[in-house]
Amino acid sequence: MAKQKPRGLPLESETAWYILLNLGDIVATWALLRRNSGFIESNPIARWFYH
């Protein structure tokens, strides 16, 4: 009998990449805003969280 592949969560790999890329976006935005280099967050909802 063939071994069955262990079952993970549906879309587990894709979800992990999505979370990783979003965290990278948050860190990059935070770093740009922290430098006071003229960058602003144009999304008003996101701006509320950063300030």
N, C-alpha and C. Protein backbone atom coordinates (compact mmCIF):
# COMPACT_ATOMS: atom_id res chain seq x y z
N MET A 1 0.85 -1.18 0.00
CA MET A 1 0.00 0.00 0.00
C MET A 1 0.90 1.24 0.00
N ALA A 2 0.55 2.22 -0.78
CA ALA A 2 1.33 3.45 -0.90
C ALA A 2 1.13 4.32 0.33
N LYS A 3 2.21 5.02 0.69
CA LYS A 3 2.11 5.94 1.83
C LYS A 3 1.31 7.16 1.42
N GLN A 4 0.46 7.60 2.31
CA GLN A 4 -0.31 8.81 2.04
C GLN A 4 0.45 10.02 2.54
N LYS A 5 0.35 11.07 1.79
CA LYS A 5 0.98 12.33 2.17
C LYS A 5 0.24 12.90 3.39
N PRO A 6 0.99 13.35 4.42
CA PRO A 6 0.30 13.95 5.57
C PRO A 6 -0.51 15.17 5.13
N ARG A 7 -1.70 15.24 5.63
CA ARG A 7 -2.58 16.34 5.24
C ARG A 7 -2.32 17.56 6.09
N GLY A 8 -2.16 18.69 5.43
CA GLY A 8 -2.00 19.96 6.13
C GLY A 8 -3.27 20.77 5.96
N LEU A 9 -3.15 22.01 6.27
CA LEU A 9 -4.29 22.90 6.10
C LEU A 9 -4.47 23.23 4.62
N PRO A 10 -5.70 23.47 4.18
CA PRO A 10 -5.90 23.90 2.80
C PRO A 10 -5.19 25.23 2.55
N LEU A 11 -4.47 25.31 1.45
CA LEU A 11 -3.74 26.53 1.06
C LEU A 11 -2.73 26.96 2.13
N GLU A 12 -2.15 26.02 2.84
CA GLU A 12 -1.22 26.34 3.93
C GLU A 12 -0.01 27.13 3.43
N SER A 13 0.59 26.69 2.35
CA SER A 13 1.77 27.37 1.81
C SER A 13 1.42 28.78 1.32
N GLU A 14 0.31 28.90 0.62
CA GLU A 14 -0.10 30.20 0.10
C GLU A 14 -0.42 31.17 1.22
N THR A 15 -1.05 30.68 2.27
CA THR A 15 -1.39 31.53 3.41
C THR A 15 -0.12 32.00 4.12
N ALA A 16 0.85 31.12 4.25
CA ALA A 16 2.12 31.51 4.89
C ALA A 16 2.81 32.60 4.09
N TRP A 17 2.85 32.47 2.76
CA TRP A 17 3.46 33.50 1.92
C TRP A 17 2.71 34.82 2.03
N TYR A 18 1.38 34.76 2.05
CA TYR A 18 0.55 35.96 2.16
C TYR A 18 0.87 36.71 3.46
N ILE A 19 0.93 35.98 4.55
CA ILE A 19 1.22 36.60 5.85
C ILE A 19 2.62 37.18 5.86
N LEU A 20 3.59 36.45 5.34
CA LEU A 20 4.97 36.92 5.31
C LEU A 20 5.12 38.21 4.49
N LEU A 21 4.51 38.25 3.32
CA LEU A 21 4.59 39.44 2.48
C LEU A 21 3.87 40.63 3.10
N ASN A 22 2.75 40.40 3.76
CA ASN A 22 2.05 41.49 4.42
C ASN A 22 2.85 42.04 5.59
N LEU A 23 3.50 41.19 6.34
CA LEU A 23 4.36 41.66 7.43
C LEU A 23 5.52 42.48 6.88
N GLY A 24 6.07 42.05 5.76
CA GLY A 24 7.13 42.82 5.11
C GLY A 24 6.65 44.20 4.69
N ASP A 25 5.44 44.27 4.17
CA ASP A 25 4.86 45.55 3.77
C ASP A 25 4.67 46.47 4.97
N ILE A 26 4.18 45.92 6.06
CA ILE A 26 3.97 46.72 7.27
C ILE A 26 5.30 47.25 7.81
N VAL A 27 6.32 46.40 7.84
CA VAL A 27 7.63 46.83 8.34
C VAL A 27 8.23 47.90 7.43
N ALA A 28 8.13 47.71 6.12
CA ALA A 28 8.69 48.69 5.18
C ALA A 28 7.97 50.03 5.30
N THR A 29 6.65 50.01 5.42
CA THR A 29 5.89 51.25 5.58
C THR A 29 6.25 51.94 6.88
N TRP A 30 6.34 51.17 7.96
CA TRP A 30 6.71 51.74 9.26
C TRP A 30 8.09 52.39 9.20
N ALA A 31 9.05 51.70 8.54
CA ALA A 31 10.41 52.24 8.44
C ALA A 31 10.42 53.54 7.64
N LEU A 32 9.68 53.60 6.55
CA LEU A 32 9.63 54.83 5.75
C LEU A 32 8.99 55.98 6.52
N LEU A 33 7.93 55.68 7.24
CA LEU A 33 7.24 56.73 7.99
C LEU A 33 8.07 57.20 9.19
N ARG A 34 8.83 56.31 9.78
CA ARG A 34 9.63 56.65 10.96
C ARG A 34 10.79 57.59 10.63
N ARG A 35 11.31 57.52 9.42
CA ARG A 35 12.46 58.34 9.03
C ARG A 35 12.10 59.81 8.83
N ASN A 36 10.84 60.15 8.78
CA ASN A 36 10.41 61.53 8.50
C ASN A 36 11.03 62.05 7.20
N SER A 37 11.03 61.20 6.19
CA SER A 37 11.66 61.56 4.93
C SER A 37 10.66 62.07 3.89
N GLY A 38 9.51 62.49 4.32
CA GLY A 38 8.53 63.04 3.39
C GLY A 38 7.50 62.03 2.90
N PHE A 39 7.62 60.78 3.31
CA PHE A 39 6.64 59.78 2.92
C PHE A 39 5.43 59.90 3.82
N ILE A 40 4.25 59.71 3.24
CA ILE A 40 3.02 59.70 4.03
C ILE A 40 2.22 58.46 3.67
N GLU A 41 1.41 58.01 4.59
CA GLU A 41 0.49 56.90 4.33
C GLU A 41 -0.77 57.50 3.74
N SER A 42 -1.10 57.13 2.52
CA SER A 42 -2.24 57.73 1.84
C SER A 42 -3.57 57.10 2.23
N ASN A 43 -3.54 55.89 2.76
CA ASN A 43 -4.76 55.22 3.19
C ASN A 43 -5.14 55.75 4.57
N PRO A 44 -6.30 56.41 4.70
CA PRO A 44 -6.65 57.02 5.98
C PRO A 44 -6.82 56.02 7.12
N ILE A 45 -7.30 54.83 6.82
CA ILE A 45 -7.47 53.82 7.87
C ILE A 45 -6.10 53.33 8.35
N ALA A 46 -5.20 53.05 7.42
CA ALA A 46 -3.84 52.63 7.80
C ALA A 46 -3.12 53.75 8.52
N ARG A 47 -3.33 54.99 8.09
CA ARG A 47 -2.68 56.14 8.73
C ARG A 47 -3.10 56.22 10.19
N TRP A 48 -4.36 55.93 10.48
CA TRP A 48 -4.85 55.97 11.86
C TRP A 48 -4.08 54.97 12.73
N PHE A 49 -3.77 53.79 12.21
CA PHE A 49 -3.03 52.78 12.97
C PHE A 49 -1.58 53.18 13.19
N TYR A 50 -0.97 53.87 12.22
CA TYR A 50 0.43 54.25 12.34
C TYR A 50 0.64 55.47 13.23
N HIS A 51 -0.39 56.27 13.42
CA HIS A 51 -0.21 57.50 14.21
C HIS A 51 -0.96 57.42 15.49
